[in-house]
Protein backbone atom coordinates (compact mmCIF):
# COMPACT_ATOMS: atom_id res chain seq x y z
CA MET A 1 11.40 13.69 21.39
CA LYS A 2 10.83 13.75 17.66
CA LEU A 3 7.22 13.71 16.51
CA THR A 4 6.02 12.39 13.17
CA TYR A 5 2.35 13.13 13.79
CA LEU A 6 0.53 15.72 15.83
CA PRO A 7 -0.31 13.63 18.93
CA GLY A 8 -3.81 12.17 18.93
CA THR A 9 -4.29 12.94 15.24
CA THR A 10 -3.41 11.64 11.79
CA LEU A 11 -1.80 14.98 10.89
CA THR A 12 1.80 14.71 9.73
CA LEU A 13 4.25 17.22 11.18
CA LYS A 14 6.70 18.47 8.58
CA GLU A 15 8.52 20.76 10.98
CA GLN A 16 8.73 19.99 14.66
CA ASP A 17 7.43 23.39 15.74
CA ASP A 18 4.44 23.72 13.43
CA CYS A 19 1.63 22.61 15.79
CA ILE A 20 0.01 26.05 15.77
CA LYS A 21 0.52 26.51 12.03
CA THR A 22 -1.01 23.10 11.36
CA LEU A 23 -4.08 23.88 13.46
CA ASP A 24 -4.32 27.39 11.98
CA GLY A 25 -4.42 25.88 8.50
CA ILE A 26 -7.13 23.38 9.40
CA PHE A 27 -9.35 25.97 11.05
CA ALA A 28 -8.69 28.84 8.61
CA ALA A 29 -12.14 28.40 7.05
CA GLY A 30 -13.92 27.92 10.37
CA GLY A 31 -15.10 24.78 12.12
CA LEU A 32 -14.95 21.15 11.07
CA VAL A 33 -17.81 18.72 10.47
CA LEU A 34 -17.86 15.32 12.16
CA SER A 35 -16.46 13.44 9.14
CA GLN A 36 -13.46 15.80 9.05
CA VAL A 37 -12.90 15.46 12.80
CA THR A 38 -13.02 11.67 12.69
CA ALA A 39 -10.66 11.54 9.69
CA LEU A 40 -8.17 13.87 11.40
CA LEU A 41 -8.34 11.95 14.68
CA GLY A 42 -8.45 8.49 13.14
CA VAL A 43 -11.48 7.47 15.22
CA GLU A 44 -15.02 6.39 14.47
CA GLY A 45 -17.83 8.92 14.61
CA TYR A 46 -19.59 7.02 17.37
CA SER A 47 -16.55 7.55 19.64
CA VAL A 48 -16.70 11.31 19.21
CA GLN A 49 -20.48 11.31 19.67
CA ASN A 50 -20.12 9.18 22.82
CA TRP A 51 -17.57 11.59 24.29
CA ILE A 52 -19.99 14.45 23.60
CA LYS A 53 -22.96 12.54 25.03
CA ARG A 54 -20.95 11.86 28.20
CA GLN A 55 -20.11 15.61 28.36
CA PHE A 56 -16.34 15.19 28.01
CA VAL A 57 -16.56 17.66 25.13
CA SER A 58 -19.21 20.29 24.40
CA PRO A 59 -21.50 19.59 21.45
CA PRO A 60 -20.77 21.16 18.06
CA VAL A 61 -22.48 24.41 17.14
CA ASN A 62 -24.39 24.19 13.86
CA LYS A 63 -22.75 20.78 13.30
CA LYS A 64 -19.29 22.42 13.35
CA TYR A 65 -16.50 21.60 15.79
CA SER A 66 -14.29 24.45 16.99
CA ARG A 67 -10.54 24.39 17.44
CA ARG A 68 -11.10 24.14 21.20
CA GLN A 69 -13.32 21.09 20.82
CA PHE A 70 -10.90 19.48 18.37
CA CYS A 71 -7.99 19.94 20.79
CA ARG A 72 -10.02 18.40 23.64
CA LEU A 73 -10.89 15.45 21.37
CA ALA A 74 -7.23 15.05 20.35
CA ILE A 75 -6.19 15.00 24.03
CA ILE A 76 -8.75 12.31 24.83
CA ASN A 77 -7.71 10.35 21.75
CA LEU A 78 -3.98 10.46 22.51
CA LEU A 79 -4.55 9.21 26.06
CA LYS A 80 -7.22 6.55 25.44
CA ASP A 81 -4.76 3.75 24.61
CA SER A 82 -2.94 4.01 27.93
CA LEU A 83 -5.47 5.47 30.39
CA SER A 84 -9.08 4.56 31.09
CA ILE A 85 -11.71 7.09 30.12
CA SER A 86 -12.41 7.79 33.80
CA GLU A 87 -8.69 8.49 34.36
CA ILE A 88 -8.64 10.84 31.36
CA VAL A 89 -11.73 12.67 32.62
CA GLY A 90 -10.15 12.90 36.08
CA LEU A 91 -6.96 14.33 34.62
CA LEU A 92 -8.82 16.88 32.48
CA SER A 93 -10.98 17.83 35.48
CA TYR A 94 -7.86 18.22 37.63
CA VAL A 95 -6.68 20.85 35.17
CA ASN A 96 -9.95 22.52 34.22
CA GLY A 97 -12.66 21.61 36.73
CA GLN A 98 -16.05 20.87 35.21
CA LEU A 99 -15.47 19.67 31.65
CA ASP A 100 -18.63 21.32 30.35
CA ASP A 101 -17.86 24.70 31.98
CA GLU A 102 -15.07 26.86 30.53
CA SER A 103 -15.37 29.51 33.25
CA ASP A 104 -13.32 27.42 35.70
CA ASP A 105 -10.52 26.54 33.26
CA ILE A 106 -6.96 27.42 34.24
CA VAL A 107 -5.95 27.07 30.58
CA GLY A 108 -7.90 26.74 27.35
CA ASP A 109 -7.89 23.39 25.57
CA GLU A 110 -5.98 24.81 22.59
CA GLN A 111 -3.24 26.16 24.85
CA PHE A 112 -3.22 22.98 26.95
CA TYR A 113 -2.74 20.88 23.80
CA GLU A 114 0.02 23.19 22.59
CA TYR A 115 1.77 22.95 25.97
CA PHE A 116 1.57 19.16 25.68
CA VAL A 117 3.11 19.10 22.21
CA THR A 118 5.84 21.50 23.39
CA THR A 119 6.49 19.29 26.42
CA LEU A 120 6.96 16.27 24.16
CA LEU A 121 9.31 18.19 21.88
CA LEU A 122 11.39 19.51 24.79
CA SER A 123 11.74 16.14 26.50
CA PRO A 124 15.00 14.41 25.54
CA ARG A 125 13.94 11.10 27.15
CA ARG A 126 10.72 9.21 27.77
CA THR A 127 10.84 9.42 31.56
CA ALA A 128 8.59 11.13 34.07
CA GLU A 129 11.49 13.30 35.22
CA SER A 130 12.29 14.39 31.68
CA PHE A 131 8.63 15.20 30.95
CA GLU A 132 8.33 17.17 34.19
CA GLU A 133 11.40 19.26 33.38
CA ALA A 134 10.15 19.79 29.82
CA ALA A 135 6.71 20.86 31.14
CA ARG A 136 8.36 23.40 33.44
CA ARG A 137 10.23 24.84 30.45
CA ALA A 138 7.09 24.81 28.27
CA LEU A 139 5.22 26.73 30.98
CA ALA A 140 7.99 29.26 31.69
CA ASP A 141 5.81 32.22 30.66
CA TYR A 142 2.50 30.81 31.97
CA LYS A 143 0.58 33.24 34.20
CA GLU A 144 -1.55 31.23 36.57
CA PRO A 145 -5.10 32.51 37.10
CA VAL A 146 -5.38 30.51 40.33
CA GLU A 147 -2.84 29.57 42.95
CA MET A 148 -1.02 26.32 42.13
CA GLY A 149 -2.39 26.36 38.57
CA LYS A 150 1.07 26.02 37.11
CA GLU A 151 1.92 23.05 39.32
CA ARG A 152 -1.36 21.36 38.35
CA LEU A 153 -0.48 21.83 34.68
CA ILE A 154 3.03 20.47 35.19
CA SER A 155 1.65 17.38 36.92
CA ALA A 156 -0.94 16.82 34.19
CA LEU A 157 1.57 17.34 31.36
CA THR A 158 4.00 14.93 33.01
CA ILE A 159 1.31 12.25 33.31
CA MET A 160 0.24 12.86 29.73
CA GLY A 161 3.83 12.55 28.48
CA VAL A 162 4.33 9.24 30.27
CA ALA A 163 0.93 7.90 29.13
CA TYR A 164 1.43 8.97 25.52
CA SER A 165 4.95 7.51 25.41
CA SER A 166 3.62 4.29 26.89
CA SER A 167 1.07 3.95 24.09
CA VAL A 168 3.67 4.78 21.42
CA LEU A 169 6.08 2.20 22.82
CA GLN A 170 3.32 -0.39 23.08
CA ARG A 171 2.36 0.23 19.44
CA GLN A 172 6.00 -0.13 18.38
CA ALA A 173 6.31 -3.41 20.30
CA LYS A 174 3.19 -4.78 18.58
CA GLU A 175 4.52 -3.74 15.17
CA ARG A 176 7.78 -5.58 15.87
CA ILE A 177 5.92 -8.67 17.05
CA ALA A 178 3.85 -8.59 13.88
CA ALA A 179 7.05 -8.31 11.83
CA LEU A 180 8.50 -11.33 13.64
CA SER A 181 5.34 -13.32 12.97
CA ALA A 182 5.44 -12.33 9.31
CA ALA A 183 9.11 -13.33 9.04
CA LYS A 184 8.35 -16.75 10.56
CA THR A 185 5.78 -17.51 7.87
CA LEU A 186 8.17 -16.78 5.00
């Protein structure tokens, strides 16, 4: 699948494999303030603050958001158009247990986000089967810290691929409907 933007963000991808480079560039000077986070995610500040208040994401330190927090926010953002917030929280908890406790994580949020982007890039079609195969390839070198960790990640990445594709296709359908409506009025 070709990506124009880093999923869940407003960041344009110039090269298909520059997810890490893009994030490295953004966080080269340290953390981000709320206005930067909201601009990069394309969401309102109250959404980010609500996700923090509900403990889906840890609060910023000295008003700065880390790369880890940004990746968690991007994951929530990319799924929110196709899954309910409780489904997103359930999916994130399935992968990493308590959302406010990093000690039980089977993968860090940065790595999880990178695996997701890689899964999208490796998937030739927008089907569950294609995303599952792509996730297996993306996780080829993954060393699981707990038994069945890799299978949990594959399941989560597959669900995320289907959900993200669903929201992209829905957005494209709405754009085409809007174009039809605009053409009718001419």
